[in-house]
Every structure is written in structure tokens, then in C-alpha cells.
Amino acid sequence: MRWAEVTDDRGAGLRFDAESGMEFSALPWTPDQIEAAAHPNELPPSHRTVLRPALMRRGVGGDDSWGARTLPAYRLPRAGVLRFTFTFTGV
């Protein structure tokens, strides 16, 4: 995506822009909290939003859910320089 906005009920919030595109998540938990929970009911109550703009993320797994590596087409590149630039502004 090229932009994302996260706002409250009144429309106040943040807009993120990335000219070359980005991946973006807005969740009520940190990645560590999600990894530590075996089931959704184990996630703690939350009163915040964790925003995570990123250039790219690797896939979550291979052909099965038992520890297979991410398929090559979905792995992050290992060579070259990765550069990620984004801006954020209040809305």
C-alpha cells in the first residue's frame, strides 16, 4: 500500500505515506504478546494501537504449520541494501 490512516471516532489520528509502498499493521497487541498467546482468549486487554509500518515482511511459513520454512518466493532478499522511507502526519 502507499498510505494508511489510523483515526479515532472523532477522525483524529495519523496518516502514513510511503512513496515506494509499504506493509502496515495496526493491532491492539505487540508482536511479542501475540507470539506468547497460544489462543486469542490469552491476549491481554488493550487500550492502545500498535502501528507497524514496514518495507516488507517475510511470509509466515511454508506448506504446513509444523515448522516448515517460508517458501523462497516469500522470503526477504539477502543481497543488496534495503531502504525504507515513510512520513507520518497528524490528521
PDB file of N, CA and C in Angstrom:
ATOM      1  N   MET A   1       0.833  -1.165   0.000  1.00  0.00           N
ATOM      2  CA  MET A   1       0.000   0.000   0.000  1.00  0.00           C
ATOM      3  C   MET A   1       0.883   1.235   0.000  1.00  0.00           C
ATOM      4  N   ARG A   2       0.332   2.361  -0.389  1.00  0.00           N
ATOM      5  CA  ARG A   2       1.100   3.611  -0.426  1.00  0.00           C
ATOM      6  C   ARG A   2       0.789   4.532   0.752  1.00  0.00           C
ATOM      7  N   TRP A   3      -0.383   4.361   1.385  1.00  0.00           N
ATOM      8  CA  TRP A   3      -0.708   5.178   2.546  1.00  0.00           C
ATOM      9  C   TRP A   3      -1.679   4.425   3.455  1.00  0.00           C
ATOM     10  N   ALA A   4      -1.703   4.848   4.713  1.00  0.00           N
ATOM     11  CA  ALA A   4      -2.632   4.285   5.695  1.00  0.00           C
ATOM     12  C   ALA A   4      -2.977   5.384   6.691  1.00  0.00           C
ATOM     13  N   GLU A   5      -4.214   5.406   7.120  1.00  0.00           N
ATOM     14  CA  GLU A   5      -4.649   6.324   8.165  1.00  0.00           C
ATOM     15  C   GLU A   5      -5.247   5.524   9.304  1.00  0.00           C
ATOM     16  N   VAL A   6      -4.887   5.923  10.516  1.00  0.00           N
ATOM     17  CA  VAL A   6      -5.448   5.320  11.715  1.00  0.00           C
ATOM     18  C   VAL A   6      -6.029   6.468  12.525  1.00  0.00           C
ATOM     19  N   THR A   7      -7.341   6.407  12.754  1.00  0.00           N
ATOM     20  CA  THR A   7      -8.023   7.504  13.442  1.00  0.00           C
ATOM     21  C   THR A   7      -8.935   6.987  14.546  1.00  0.00           C
ATOM     22  N   ASP A   8      -9.283   7.897  15.435  1.00  0.00           N
ATOM     23  CA  ASP A   8     -10.253   7.555  16.478  1.00  0.00           C
ATOM     24  C   ASP A   8     -11.665   7.883  15.991  1.00  0.00           C
ATOM     25  N   ASP A   9     -12.633   7.769  16.865  1.00  0.00           N
ATOM     26  CA  ASP A   9     -14.033   8.001  16.481  1.00  0.00           C
ATOM     27  C   ASP A   9     -14.304   9.429  16.017  1.00  0.00           C
ATOM     28  N   ARG A  10     -13.460  10.369  16.431  1.00  0.00           N
ATOM     29  CA  ARG A  10     -13.629  11.768  16.030  1.00  0.00           C
ATOM     30  C   ARG A  10     -12.893  12.089  14.732  1.00  0.00           C
ATOM     31  N   GLY A  11     -12.117  11.133  14.215  1.00  0.00           N
ATOM     32  CA  GLY A  11     -11.366  11.361  12.984  1.00  0.00           C
ATOM     33  C   GLY A  11      -9.959  11.881  13.213  1.00  0.00           C
ATOM     34  N   ALA A  12      -9.524  11.991  14.455  1.00  0.00           N
ATOM     35  CA  ALA A  12      -8.157  12.436  14.767  1.00  0.00           C
ATOM     36  C   ALA A  12      -7.224  11.229  14.769  1.00  0.00           C
ATOM     37  N   GLY A  13      -6.041  11.391  14.199  1.00  0.00           N
ATOM     38  CA  GLY A  13      -5.093  10.280  14.184  1.00  0.00           C
ATOM     39  C   GLY A  13      -3.856  10.585  13.389  1.00  0.00           C
ATOM     40  N   LEU A  14      -3.322   9.569  12.742  1.00  0.00           N
ATOM     41  CA  LEU A  14      -2.081   9.670  11.972  1.00  0.00           C
ATOM     42  C   LEU A  14      -2.279   9.116  10.571  1.00  0.00           C
ATOM     43  N   ARG A  15      -1.587   9.739   9.622  1.00  0.00           N
ATOM     44  CA  ARG A  15      -1.531   9.234   8.249  1.00  0.00           C
ATOM     45  C   ARG A  15      -0.078   8.895   7.947  1.00  0.00           C
ATOM     46  N   PHE A  16       0.146   7.711   7.396  1.00  0.00           N
ATOM     47  CA  PHE A  16       1.472   7.254   6.995  1.00  0.00           C
ATOM     48  C   PHE A  16       1.520   7.185   5.477  1.00  0.00           C
ATOM     49  N   ASP A  17       2.570   7.739   4.876  1.00  0.00           N
ATOM     50  CA  ASP A  17       2.755   7.719   3.424  1.00  0.00           C
ATOM     51  C   ASP A  17       4.123   7.132   3.102  1.00  0.00           C
ATOM     52  N   ALA A  18       4.164   6.258   2.100  1.00  0.00           N
ATOM     53  CA  ALA A  18       5.417   5.690   1.616  1.00  0.00           C
ATOM     54  C   ALA A  18       5.353   5.664   0.092  1.00  0.00           C
ATOM     55  N   GLU A  19       6.157   6.487  -0.537  1.00  0.00           N
ATOM     56  CA  GLU A  19       6.112   6.635  -1.994  1.00  0.00           C
ATOM     57  C   GLU A  19       6.338   5.321  -2.716  1.00  0.00           C
ATOM     58  N   SER A  20       7.239   4.503  -2.196  1.00  0.00           N
ATOM     59  CA  SER A  20       7.552   3.241  -2.877  1.00  0.00           C
ATOM     60  C   SER A  20       6.703   2.081  -2.368  1.00  0.00           C
ATOM     61  N   GLY A  21       5.739   2.348  -1.517  1.00  0.00           N
ATOM     62  CA  GLY A  21       4.880   1.295  -0.993  1.00  0.00           C
ATOM     63  C   GLY A  21       5.386   0.767   0.335  1.00  0.00           C
ATOM     64  N   MET A  22       4.493   0.129   1.082  1.00  0.00           N
ATOM     65  CA  MET A  22       4.847  -0.410   2.393  1.00  0.00           C
ATOM     66  C   MET A  22       3.844  -1.480   2.795  1.00  0.00           C
ATOM     67  N   GLU A  23       4.225  -2.210   3.805  1.00  0.00           N
ATOM     68  CA  GLU A  23       3.289  -3.080   4.505  1.00  0.00           C
ATOM     69  C   GLU A  23       2.957  -2.379   5.801  1.00  0.00           C
ATOM     70  N   PHE A  24       1.769  -2.613   6.343  1.00  0.00           N
ATOM     71  CA  PHE A  24       1.329  -1.847   7.504  1.00  0.00           C
ATOM     72  C   PHE A  24       0.384  -2.690   8.336  1.00  0.00           C
ATOM     73  N   SER A  25       0.553  -2.605   9.644  1.00  0.00           N
ATOM     74  CA  SER A  25      -0.426  -3.240  10.529  1.00  0.00           C
ATOM     75  C   SER A  25      -0.764  -2.280  11.660  1.00  0.00           C
ATOM     76  N   ALA A  26      -1.972  -2.388  12.157  1.00  0.00           N
ATOM     77  CA  ALA A  26      -2.460  -1.611  13.298  1.00  0.00           C
ATOM     78  C   ALA A  26      -3.249  -2.577  14.170  1.00  0.00           C
ATOM     79  N   LEU A  27      -2.623  -3.035  15.241  1.00  0.00           N
ATOM     80  CA  LEU A  27      -3.219  -4.063  16.097  1.00  0.00           C
ATOM     81  C   LEU A  27      -3.200  -3.613  17.556  1.00  0.00           C
ATOM     82  N   PRO A  28      -4.046  -4.180  18.394  1.00  0.00           N
ATOM     83  CA  PRO A  28      -4.045  -3.797  19.801  1.00  0.00           C
ATOM     84  C   PRO A  28      -2.963  -4.477  20.642  1.00  0.00           C
ATOM     85  N   TRP A  29      -2.139  -5.319  20.045  1.00  0.00           N
ATOM     86  CA  TRP A  29      -1.090  -6.014  20.794  1.00  0.00           C
ATOM     87  C   TRP A  29       0.247  -5.924  20.073  1.00  0.00           C
ATOM     88  N   THR A  30       1.319  -6.091  20.820  1.00  0.00           N
ATOM     89  CA  THR A  30       2.659  -6.134  20.245  1.00  0.00           C
ATOM     90  C   THR A  30       2.893  -7.517  19.637  1.00  0.00           C
ATOM     91  N   PRO A  31       3.873  -7.644  18.743  1.00  0.00           N
ATOM     92  CA  PRO A  31       4.184  -8.977  18.209  1.00  0.00           C
ATOM     93  C   PRO A  31       4.541  -9.969  19.314  1.00  0.00           C
ATOM     94  N   ASP A  32       5.250  -9.531  20.349  1.00  0.00           N
ATOM     95  CA  ASP A  32       5.610 -10.435  21.447  1.00  0.00           C
ATOM     96  C   ASP A  32       4.369 -10.949  22.178  1.00  0.00           C
ATOM     97  N   GLN A  33       3.394 -10.085  22.388  1.00  0.00           N
ATOM     98  CA  GLN A  33       2.170 -10.524  23.059  1.00  0.00           C
ATOM     99  C   GLN A  33       1.412 -11.541  22.210  1.00  0.00           C
ATOM    100  N   ILE A  34       1.376 -11.323  20.923  1.00  0.00           N
ATOM    101  CA  ILE A  34       0.689 -12.257  20.027  1.00  0.00           C
ATOM    102  C   ILE A  34       1.408 -13.600  20.013  1.00  0.00           C
ATOM    103  N   GLU A  35       2.740 -13.579  19.930  1.00  0.00           N
ATOM    104  CA  GLU A  35       3.520 -14.831  19.918  1.00  0.00           C
ATOM    105  C   GLU A  35       3.366 -15.606  21.220  1.00  0.00           C
ATOM    106  N   ALA A  36       3.221 -14.898  22.336  1.00  0.00           N
ATOM    107  CA  ALA A  36       3.139 -15.561  23.644  1.00  0.00           C
ATOM    108  C   ALA A  36       1.773 -16.203  23.887  1.00  0.00           C
ATOM    109  N   ALA A  37       0.770 -15.815  23.142  1.00  0.00           N
ATOM    110  CA  ALA A  37      -0.582 -16.349  23.342  1.00  0.00           C
ATOM    111  C   ALA A  37      -0.811 -17.554  22.435  1.00  0.00           C
ATOM    112  N   ALA A  38      -1.177 -18.672  23.035  1.00  0.00           N
ATOM    113  CA  ALA A  38      -1.482 -19.861  22.240  1.00  0.00           C
ATOM    114  C   ALA A  38      -2.881 -19.774  21.627  1.00  0.00           C
ATOM    115  N   HIS A  39      -3.763 -18.991  22.256  1.00  0.00           N
ATOM    116  CA  HIS A  39      -5.146 -18.845  21.808  1.00  0.00           C
ATOM    117  C   HIS A  39      -5.557 -17.381  21.951  1.00  0.00           C
ATOM    118  N   PRO A  40      -6.485 -16.901  21.128  1.00  0.00           N
ATOM    119  CA  PRO A  40      -6.894 -15.493  21.204  1.00  0.00           C
ATOM    120  C   PRO A  40      -7.373 -15.052  22.588  1.00  0.00           C
ATOM    121  N   ASN A  41      -8.025 -15.937  23.330  1.00  0.00           N
ATOM    122  CA  ASN A  41      -8.516 -15.555  24.656  1.00  0.00           C
ATOM    123  C   ASN A  41      -7.380 -15.325  25.659  1.00  0.00           C
ATOM    124  N   GLU A  42      -6.144 -15.683  25.295  1.00  0.00           N
ATOM    125  CA  GLU A  42      -4.991 -15.463  26.170  1.00  0.00           C
ATOM    126  C   GLU A  42      -4.343 -14.092  25.947  1.00  0.00           C
ATOM    127  N   LEU A  43      -4.816 -13.336  24.956  1.00  0.00           N
ATOM    128  CA  LEU A  43      -4.279 -11.995  24.727  1.00  0.00           C
ATOM    129  C   LEU A  43      -4.796 -11.054  25.811  1.00  0.00           C
ATOM    130  N   PRO A  44      -3.924 -10.180  26.319  1.00  0.00           N
ATOM    131  CA  PRO A  44      -4.352  -9.287  27.405  1.00  0.00           C
ATOM    132  C   PRO A  44      -5.283  -8.200  26.897  1.00  0.00           C
ATOM    133  N   PRO A  45      -6.096  -7.621  27.786  1.00  0.00           N
ATOM    134  CA  PRO A  45      -6.897  -6.460  27.392  1.00  0.00           C
ATOM    135  C   PRO A  45      -5.950  -5.341  26.948  1.00  0.00           C
ATOM    136  N   SER A  46      -6.384  -4.552  25.997  1.00  0.00           N
ATOM    137  CA  SER A  46      -5.521  -3.494  25.483  1.00  0.00           C
ATOM    138  C   SER A  46      -6.320  -2.225  25.240  1.00  0.00           C
ATOM    139  N   HIS A  47      -5.688  -1.094  25.526  1.00  0.00           N
ATOM    140  CA  HIS A  47      -6.304   0.207  25.292  1.00  0.00           C
ATOM    141  C   HIS A  47      -5.385   1.059  24.422  1.00  0.00           C
ATOM    142  N   ARG A  48      -4.677   0.405  23.502  1.00  0.00           N
ATOM    143  CA  ARG A  48      -3.749   1.106  22.618  1.00  0.00           C
ATOM    144  C   ARG A  48      -3.773   0.447  21.253  1.00  0.00           C
ATOM    145  N   THR A  49      -3.128   1.109  20.298  1.00  0.00           N
ATOM    146  CA  THR A  49      -2.975   0.554  18.959  1.00  0.00           C
ATOM    147  C   THR A  49      -1.500   0.560  18.626  1.00  0.00           C
ATOM    148  N   VAL A  50      -0.973  -0.597  18.263  1.00  0.00           N
ATOM    149  CA  VAL A  50       0.434  -0.732  17.900  1.00  0.00           C
ATOM    150  C   VAL A  50       0.528  -0.605  16.383  1.00  0.00           C
ATOM    151  N   LEU A  51       1.178   0.465  15.921  1.00  0.00           N
ATOM    152  CA  LEU A  51       1.318   0.733  14.488  1.00  0.00           C
ATOM    153  C   LEU A  51       2.673   0.242  14.023  1.00  0.00           C
ATOM    154  N   ARG A  52       2.689  -0.480  12.886  1.00  0.00           N
ATOM    155  CA  ARG A  52       3.937  -1.054  12.390  1.00  0.00           C
ATOM    156  C   ARG A  52       4.060  -0.880  10.879  1.00  0.00           C
ATOM    157  N   PRO A  53       4.558   0.293  10.427  1.00  0.00           N
ATOM    158  CA  PRO A  53       4.876   0.428   9.004  1.00  0.00           C
ATOM    159  C   PRO A  53       6.164  -0.345   8.717  1.00  0.00           C
ATOM    160  N   ALA A  54       6.258  -0.968   7.556  1.00  0.00           N
ATOM    161  CA  ALA A  54       7.439  -1.760   7.220  1.00  0.00           C
ATOM    162  C   ALA A  54       7.633  -1.794   5.707  1.00  0.00           C
ATOM    163  N   LEU A  55       8.874  -1.904   5.295  1.00  0.00           N
ATOM    164  CA  LEU A  55       9.177  -2.068   3.874  1.00  0.00           C
ATOM    165  C   LEU A  55       8.583  -3.382   3.374  1.00  0.00           C
ATOM    166  N   MET A  56       8.854  -4.445   4.095  1.00  0.00           N
ATOM    167  CA  MET A  56       8.327  -5.770   3.737  1.00  0.00           C
ATOM    168  C   MET A  56       8.491  -6.693   4.934  1.00  0.00           C
ATOM    169  N   ARG A  57       7.735  -7.772   4.913  1.00  0.00           N
ATOM    170  CA  ARG A  57       7.836  -8.809   5.939  1.00  0.00           C
ATOM    171  C   ARG A  57       7.901 -10.148   5.246  1.00  0.00           C
ATOM    172  N   ARG A  58       8.581 -11.058   5.869  1.00  0.00           N
ATOM    173  CA  ARG A  58       8.637 -12.387   5.264  1.00  0.00           C
ATOM    174  C   ARG A  58       7.327 -13.107   5.511  1.00  0.00           C
ATOM    175  N   GLY A  59       7.083 -14.130   4.741  1.00  0.00           N
ATOM    176  CA  GLY A  59       5.874 -14.924   4.918  1.00  0.00           C
ATOM    177  C   GLY A  59       5.871 -15.618   6.266  1.00  0.00           C
ATOM    178  N   VAL A  60       4.742 -16.172   6.648  1.00  0.00           N
ATOM    179  CA  VAL A  60       4.618 -16.765   7.974  1.00  0.00           C
ATOM    180  C   VAL A  60       4.961 -18.243   8.016  1.00  0.00           C
ATOM    181  N   GLY A  61       5.179 -18.873   6.882  1.00  0.00           N
ATOM    182  CA  GLY A  61       5.535 -20.281   6.933  1.00  0.00           C
ATOM    183  C   GLY A  61       5.529 -20.936   5.574  1.00  0.00           C
ATOM    184  N   GLY A  62       5.838 -22.200   5.569  1.00  0.00           N
ATOM    185  CA  GLY A  62       5.909 -22.954   4.330  1.00  0.00           C
ATOM    186  C   GLY A  62       4.581 -23.615   4.001  1.00  0.00           C
ATOM    187  N   ASP A  63       4.654 -24.859   3.559  1.00  0.00           N
ATOM    188  CA  ASP A  63       3.464 -25.574   3.106  1.00  0.00           C
ATOM    189  C   ASP A  63       2.672 -26.210   4.239  1.00  0.00           C
ATOM    190  N   ASP A  64       3.195 -26.200   5.424  1.00  0.00           N
ATOM    191  CA  ASP A  64       2.459 -26.762   6.548  1.00  0.00           C
ATOM    192  C   ASP A  64       2.621 -25.827   7.755  1.00  0.00           C
ATOM    193  N   SER A  65       1.983 -26.127   8.828  1.00  0.00           N
ATOM    194  CA  SER A  65       2.074 -25.275  10.016  1.00  0.00           C
ATOM    195  C   SER A  65       2.923 -25.918  11.103  1.00  0.00           C
ATOM    196  N   TRP A  66       3.826 -26.809  10.725  1.00  0.00           N
ATOM    197  CA  TRP A  66       4.626 -27.531  11.710  1.00  0.00           C
ATOM    198  C   TRP A  66       6.102 -27.202  11.592  1.00  0.00           C
ATOM    199  N   GLY A  67       6.404 -25.945  11.319  1.00  0.00           N
ATOM    200  CA  GLY A  67       7.799 -25.532  11.344  1.00  0.00           C
ATOM    201  C   GLY A  67       8.487 -25.472   9.994  1.00  0.00           C
ATOM    202  N   ALA A  68       7.763 -25.671   8.913  1.00  0.00           N
ATOM    203  CA  ALA A  68       8.385 -25.583   7.591  1.00  0.00           C
ATOM    204  C   ALA A  68       8.855 -24.152   7.340  1.00  0.00           C
ATOM    205  N   ARG A  69       9.952 -24.004   6.628  1.00  0.00           N
ATOM    206  CA  ARG A  69      10.472 -22.672   6.300  1.00  0.00           C
ATOM    207  C   ARG A  69       9.546 -21.965   5.325  1.00  0.00           C
ATOM    208  N   THR A  70       9.643 -20.644   5.342  1.00  0.00           N
ATOM    209  CA  THR A  70       8.896 -19.833   4.389  1.00  0.00           C
ATOM    210  C   THR A  70       9.337 -20.185   2.980  1.00  0.00           C
ATOM    211  N   LEU A  71       8.407 -20.273   2.058  1.00  0.00           N
ATOM    212  CA  LEU A  71       8.747 -20.598   0.673  1.00  0.00           C
ATOM    213  C   LEU A  71       9.645 -19.504   0.083  1.00  0.00           C
ATOM    214  N   PRO A  72      10.594 -19.873  -0.786  1.00  0.00           N
ATOM    215  CA  PRO A  72      11.557 -18.896  -1.323  1.00  0.00           C
ATOM    216  C   PRO A  72      10.931 -17.640  -1.924  1.00  0.00           C
ATOM    217  N   ALA A  73       9.810 -17.757  -2.591  1.00  0.00           N
ATOM    218  CA  ALA A  73       9.187 -16.594  -3.219  1.00  0.00           C
ATOM    219  C   ALA A  73       8.747 -15.538  -2.201  1.00  0.00           C
ATOM    220  N   TYR A  74       8.626 -15.929  -0.922  1.00  0.00           N
ATOM    221  CA  TYR A  74       8.116 -15.018   0.102  1.00  0.00           C
ATOM    222  C   TYR A  74       9.165 -14.632   1.139  1.00  0.00           C
ATOM    223  N   ARG A  75      10.415 -14.982   0.906  1.00  0.00           N
ATOM    224  CA  ARG A  75      11.492 -14.608   1.821  1.00  0.00           C
ATOM    225  C   ARG A  75      12.022 -13.221   1.483  1.00  0.00           C
ATOM    226  N   LEU A  76      12.582 -12.555   2.485  1.00  0.00           N
ATOM    227  CA  LEU A  76      13.195 -11.249   2.264  1.00  0.00           C
ATOM    228  C   LEU A  76      14.485 -11.418   1.474  1.00  0.00           C
ATOM    229  N   PRO A  77      14.831 -10.449   0.623  1.00  0.00           N
ATOM    230  CA  PRO A  77      16.084 -10.551  -0.130  1.00  0.00           C
ATOM    231  C   PRO A  77      17.288 -10.503   0.810  1.00  0.00           C
ATOM    232  N   ARG A  78      18.322 -11.269   0.467  1.00  0.00           N
ATOM    233  CA  ARG A  78      19.517 -11.331   1.303  1.00  0.00           C
ATOM    234  C   ARG A  78      20.640 -10.458   0.774  1.00  0.00           C
ATOM    235  N   ALA A  79      20.563 -10.060  -0.465  1.00  0.00           N
ATOM    236  CA  ALA A  79      21.641  -9.275  -1.076  1.00  0.00           C
ATOM    237  C   ALA A  79      21.170  -7.839  -1.302  1.00  0.00           C
ATOM    238  N   GLY A  80      22.125  -6.937  -1.329  1.00  0.00           N
ATOM    239  CA  GLY A  80      21.806  -5.550  -1.617  1.00  0.00           C
ATOM    240  C   GLY A  80      21.390  -4.778  -0.373  1.00  0.00           C
ATOM    241  N   VAL A  81      21.123  -3.515  -0.580  1.00  0.00           N
ATOM    242  CA  VAL A  81      20.730  -2.624   0.502  1.00  0.00           C
ATOM    243  C   VAL A  81      19.220  -2.406   0.446  1.00  0.00           C
ATOM    244  N   LEU A  82      18.573  -2.594   1.574  1.00  0.00           N
ATOM    245  CA  LEU A  82      17.145  -2.308   1.668  1.00  0.00           C
ATOM    246  C   LEU A  82      16.993  -0.936   2.317  1.00  0.00           C
ATOM    247  N   ARG A  83      16.183  -0.096   1.710  1.00  0.00           N
ATOM    248  CA  ARG A  83      15.965   1.246   2.238  1.00  0.00           C
ATOM    249  C   ARG A  83      14.458   1.494   2.309  1.00  0.00           C
ATOM    250  N   PHE A  84      14.015   1.994   3.461  1.00  0.00           N
ATOM    251  CA  PHE A  84      12.600   2.244   3.668  1.00  0.00           C
ATOM    252  C   PHE A  84      12.420   3.662   4.196  1.00  0.00           C
ATOM    253  N   THR A  85      11.641   4.453   3.494  1.00  0.00           N
ATOM    254  CA  THR A  85      11.371   5.822   3.906  1.00  0.00           C
ATOM    255  C   THR A  85       9.860   6.040   3.917  1.00  0.00           C
ATOM    256  N   PHE A  86       9.372   6.625   5.003  1.00  0.00           N
ATOM    257  CA  PHE A  86       7.967   6.964   5.077  1.00  0.00           C
ATOM    258  C   PHE A  86       7.830   8.256   5.874  1.00  0.00           C
ATOM    259  N   THR A  87       6.691   8.892   5.723  1.00  0.00           N
ATOM    260  CA  THR A  87       6.380  10.080   6.506  1.00  0.00           C
ATOM    261  C   THR A  87       5.089   9.832   7.267  1.00  0.00           C
ATOM    262  N   PHE A  88       4.916  10.541   8.367  1.00  0.00           N
ATOM    263  CA  PHE A  88       3.633  10.491   9.038  1.00  0.00           C
ATOM    264  C   PHE A  88       3.230  11.895   9.460  1.00  0.00           C
ATOM    265  N   THR A  89       1.951  12.138   9.368  1.00  0.00           N
ATOM    266  CA  THR A  89       1.403  13.442   9.699  1.00  0.00           C
ATOM    267  C   THR A  89       0.122  13.249  10.502  1.00  0.00           C
ATOM    268  N   GLY A  90      -0.199  14.241  11.283  1.00  0.00           N
ATOM    269  CA  GLY A  90      -1.434  14.208  12.038  1.00  0.00           C
ATOM    270  C   GLY A  90      -2.620  14.518  11.150  1.00  0.00           C
ATOM    271  N   VAL A  91      -3.744  13.871  11.411  1.00  0.00           N
ATOM    272  CA  VAL A  91      -4.984  14.161  10.692  1.00  0.00           C
ATOM    273  C   VAL A  91      -6.070  14.506  11.691  1.00  0.00           C
TER     274      VAL A  91
END
